[in-house]
Every structure is written in C-alpha cells, then in structure tokens.
Amino acid sequence: MSITQLPEEVLKAIFSFVDPTTLGRLASVCKDFRRLSYDNSLWRHHIECEFGSKVLIFDNDKINYRQAYISCA
C-alpha cells in the first residue's frame, strides 16, 4: 500500500504533525497532497501553536488561515 492510498482522515492526521515548510513541500507532490496541505484546519492549528490562540480573534470559517499564517510569519 502506498501512502497516497491511505484514507483522507489518516493523511490529515499525519499532516497535522508536519511543520509549515514541509506542508508547502507536500503540496507539490500531487493534487491530493496539495488539497490536504492547504486544509484550513491544519493552518489554524499552526497559528494557534506558534502565535497563541489569542491571535485568533475571529472564529470564522471564511478566514484563509494559510494566508494568515504566511502574513504573520
């Protein structure tokens, strides 16, 4: 079995342990990895871990946390 054959939930769990730089690199592997590495919940997690939950003033699903992370980094 290849890693690309794992269920999306498993891949997302694995990706949640990956640092932002590696997430960016994973995005270039294939379309599915790109979609997963751009997942908003992963980037929100990185913002909370690196900058603290106080940075997240708005709890809004329309916020692109990847872009917000890039802006803060």
N, C-alpha and C. Protein backbone atom coordinates (compact mmCIF):
# COMPACT_ATOMS: atom_id res chain seq x y z
N MET A 1 0.84 -1.18 0.00
CA MET A 1 0.00 0.00 0.00
C MET A 1 0.89 1.25 0.00
N SER A 2 0.52 2.19 -0.81
CA SER A 2 1.22 3.47 -0.91
C SER A 2 0.57 4.48 0.04
N ILE A 3 1.34 5.45 0.47
CA ILE A 3 0.81 6.48 1.37
C ILE A 3 -0.35 7.24 0.72
N THR A 4 -0.34 7.35 -0.59
CA THR A 4 -1.42 8.06 -1.28
C THR A 4 -2.73 7.28 -1.26
N GLN A 5 -2.68 6.02 -0.87
CA GLN A 5 -3.88 5.20 -0.80
C GLN A 5 -4.53 5.22 0.59
N LEU A 6 -3.90 5.89 1.53
CA LEU A 6 -4.47 5.99 2.87
C LEU A 6 -5.72 6.86 2.85
N PRO A 7 -6.66 6.60 3.75
CA PRO A 7 -7.85 7.45 3.82
C PRO A 7 -7.48 8.90 4.13
N GLU A 8 -8.30 9.81 3.64
CA GLU A 8 -8.03 11.24 3.81
C GLU A 8 -7.89 11.62 5.28
N GLU A 9 -8.71 11.03 6.15
CA GLU A 9 -8.65 11.35 7.57
C GLU A 9 -7.29 10.98 8.17
N VAL A 10 -6.74 9.85 7.72
CA VAL A 10 -5.44 9.41 8.22
C VAL A 10 -4.34 10.35 7.72
N LEU A 11 -4.40 10.70 6.44
CA LEU A 11 -3.41 11.62 5.89
C LEU A 11 -3.48 12.98 6.59
N LYS A 12 -4.68 13.45 6.85
CA LYS A 12 -4.83 14.73 7.53
C LYS A 12 -4.24 14.65 8.93
N ALA A 13 -4.42 13.54 9.61
CA ALA A 13 -3.84 13.37 10.94
C ALA A 13 -2.31 13.38 10.86
N ILE A 14 -1.76 12.73 9.86
CA ILE A 14 -0.31 12.72 9.66
C ILE A 14 0.18 14.13 9.35
N PHE A 15 -0.52 14.81 8.46
CA PHE A 15 -0.13 16.16 8.06
C PHE A 15 -0.19 17.14 9.23
N SER A 16 -1.01 16.85 10.22
CA SER A 16 -1.13 17.76 11.37
C SER A 16 0.16 17.81 12.20
N PHE A 17 1.05 16.83 12.02
CA PHE A 17 2.32 16.81 12.74
C PHE A 17 3.46 17.41 11.93
N VAL A 18 3.15 17.84 10.72
CA VAL A 18 4.18 18.35 9.81
C VAL A 18 4.29 19.87 9.96
N ASP A 19 5.52 20.37 9.96
CA ASP A 19 5.74 21.81 10.08
C ASP A 19 5.29 22.53 8.81
N PRO A 20 5.02 23.83 8.90
CA PRO A 20 4.52 24.59 7.75
C PRO A 20 5.39 24.52 6.50
N THR A 21 6.70 24.54 6.66
CA THR A 21 7.58 24.46 5.49
C THR A 21 7.40 23.14 4.76
N THR A 22 7.31 22.06 5.52
CA THR A 22 7.11 20.74 4.92
C THR A 22 5.73 20.63 4.30
N LEU A 23 4.73 21.26 4.92
CA LEU A 23 3.39 21.27 4.31
C LEU A 23 3.45 21.89 2.92
N GLY A 24 4.20 22.96 2.80
CA GLY A 24 4.38 23.60 1.50
C GLY A 24 5.03 22.67 0.50
N ARG A 25 6.00 21.92 0.95
CA ARG A 25 6.67 20.96 0.05
C ARG A 25 5.75 19.81 -0.32
N LEU A 26 4.95 19.36 0.64
CA LEU A 26 4.00 18.28 0.35
C LEU A 26 2.98 18.70 -0.72
N ALA A 27 2.69 19.98 -0.77
CA ALA A 27 1.72 20.48 -1.74
C ALA A 27 2.18 20.25 -3.17
N SER A 28 3.48 20.10 -3.36
CA SER A 28 4.00 19.91 -4.72
C SER A 28 4.10 18.44 -5.13
N VAL A 29 3.72 17.54 -4.24
CA VAL A 29 3.84 16.10 -4.54
C VAL A 29 2.76 15.64 -5.51
N CYS A 30 1.51 15.94 -5.18
CA CYS A 30 0.40 15.53 -6.05
C CYS A 30 -0.82 16.38 -5.70
N LYS A 31 -1.86 16.28 -6.52
CA LYS A 31 -3.07 17.09 -6.31
C LYS A 31 -3.71 16.83 -4.96
N ASP A 32 -3.79 15.55 -4.56
CA ASP A 32 -4.42 15.23 -3.28
C ASP A 32 -3.63 15.81 -2.11
N PHE A 33 -2.30 15.72 -2.17
CA PHE A 33 -1.48 16.29 -1.10
C PHE A 33 -1.59 17.80 -1.09
N ARG A 34 -1.71 18.40 -2.26
CA ARG A 34 -1.87 19.86 -2.32
C ARG A 34 -3.17 20.28 -1.63
N ARG A 35 -4.24 19.58 -1.97
CA ARG A 35 -5.53 19.89 -1.36
C ARG A 35 -5.47 19.70 0.15
N LEU A 36 -4.86 18.61 0.60
CA LEU A 36 -4.77 18.35 2.03
C LEU A 36 -3.85 19.34 2.73
N SER A 37 -2.74 19.68 2.09
CA SER A 37 -1.79 20.59 2.74
C SER A 37 -2.31 22.02 2.80
N TYR A 38 -3.33 22.33 2.02
CA TYR A 38 -3.96 23.64 2.08
C TYR A 38 -5.18 23.66 3.01
N ASP A 39 -5.43 22.54 3.68
CA ASP A 39 -6.60 22.43 4.55
C ASP A 39 -6.57 23.52 5.63
N ASN A 40 -7.64 24.23 5.75
CA ASN A 40 -7.73 25.38 6.65
C ASN A 40 -7.49 24.99 8.11
N SER A 41 -7.98 23.81 8.52
CA SER A 41 -7.82 23.41 9.92
C SER A 41 -6.36 23.15 10.28
N LEU A 42 -5.56 22.67 9.33
CA LEU A 42 -4.13 22.45 9.59
C LEU A 42 -3.43 23.78 9.85
N TRP A 43 -3.75 24.78 9.05
CA TRP A 43 -3.11 26.08 9.19
C TRP A 43 -3.59 26.81 10.43
N ARG A 44 -4.84 26.63 10.78
CA ARG A 44 -5.34 27.23 12.02
C ARG A 44 -4.57 26.63 13.21
N HIS A 45 -4.34 25.33 13.16
CA HIS A 45 -3.58 24.65 14.21
C HIS A 45 -2.18 25.26 14.33
N HIS A 46 -1.52 25.51 13.20
CA HIS A 46 -0.17 26.09 13.23
C HIS A 46 -0.18 27.51 13.80
N ILE A 47 -1.20 28.28 13.46
CA ILE A 47 -1.30 29.64 14.00
C ILE A 47 -1.47 29.58 15.52
N GLU A 48 -2.35 28.70 16.00
CA GLU A 48 -2.58 28.57 17.43
C GLU A 48 -1.31 28.14 18.15
N CYS A 49 -0.57 27.20 17.57
CA CYS A 49 0.65 26.70 18.21
C CYS A 49 1.77 27.73 18.22
N GLU A 50 1.95 28.44 17.13
CA GLU A 50 3.08 29.37 17.03
C GLU A 50 2.81 30.75 17.59
N PHE A 51 1.58 31.21 17.46
CA PHE A 51 1.28 32.59 17.84
C PHE A 51 0.30 32.68 19.01
N GLY A 52 -0.24 31.56 19.42
CA GLY A 52 -1.19 31.53 20.52
C GLY A 52 -2.62 31.71 20.04
N SER A 53 -3.53 31.17 20.79
CA SER A 53 -4.94 31.24 20.39
C SER A 53 -5.49 32.65 20.45
N LYS A 54 -4.81 33.56 21.17
CA LYS A 54 -5.27 34.95 21.25
C LYS A 54 -5.19 35.66 19.90
N VAL A 55 -4.35 35.14 19.01
CA VAL A 55 -4.24 35.73 17.67
C VAL A 55 -5.53 35.51 16.91
N LEU A 56 -6.22 34.44 17.22
CA LEU A 56 -7.45 34.11 16.51
C LEU A 56 -8.63 34.85 17.13
N ILE A 57 -8.71 36.11 16.80
CA ILE A 57 -9.76 36.96 17.35
C ILE A 57 -11.13 36.53 16.81
N PHE A 58 -11.16 36.19 15.54
CA PHE A 58 -12.40 35.81 14.91
C PHE A 58 -12.41 34.31 14.66
N ASP A 59 -13.47 33.65 15.04
CA ASP A 59 -13.64 32.23 14.76
C ASP A 59 -14.56 32.14 13.55
N ASN A 60 -13.96 32.27 12.38
CA ASN A 60 -14.73 32.40 11.15
C ASN A 60 -14.21 31.41 10.13
N ASP A 61 -15.10 30.61 9.57
CA ASP A 61 -14.71 29.61 8.57
C ASP A 61 -14.28 30.25 7.26
N LYS A 62 -14.56 31.53 7.07
CA LYS A 62 -14.20 32.18 5.81
C LYS A 62 -12.77 32.70 5.81
N ILE A 63 -12.11 32.66 6.96
CA ILE A 63 -10.73 33.11 7.04
C ILE A 63 -9.83 32.05 6.41
N ASN A 64 -8.91 32.49 5.58
CA ASN A 64 -7.93 31.59 4.99
C ASN A 64 -6.73 31.58 5.94
N TYR A 65 -6.66 30.56 6.79
CA TYR A 65 -5.62 30.50 7.81
C TYR A 65 -4.23 30.30 7.22
N ARG A 66 -4.15 29.69 6.06
CA ARG A 66 -2.85 29.54 5.40
C ARG A 66 -2.29 30.92 5.05
N GLN A 67 -3.13 31.75 4.44
CA GLN A 67 -2.70 33.10 4.09
C GLN A 67 -2.40 33.91 5.35
N ALA A 68 -3.20 33.73 6.38
CA ALA A 68 -2.96 34.45 7.64
C ALA A 68 -1.64 34.03 8.25
N TYR A 69 -1.32 32.74 8.19
CA TYR A 69 -0.05 32.26 8.71
C TYR A 69 1.11 32.87 7.94
N ILE A 70 1.00 32.86 6.63
CA ILE A 70 2.07 33.41 5.79
C ILE A 70 2.27 34.89 6.10
N SER A 71 1.18 35.61 6.34
CA SER A 71 1.27 37.04 6.66
C SER A 71 1.93 37.28 8.02
N CYS A 72 1.70 36.38 8.96
CA CYS A 72 2.26 36.55 10.30
C CYS A 72 3.70 36.08 10.41
N ALA A 73 4.08 35.14 9.57
CA ALA A 73 5.42 34.54 9.68
C ALA A 73 6.51 35.44 9.18
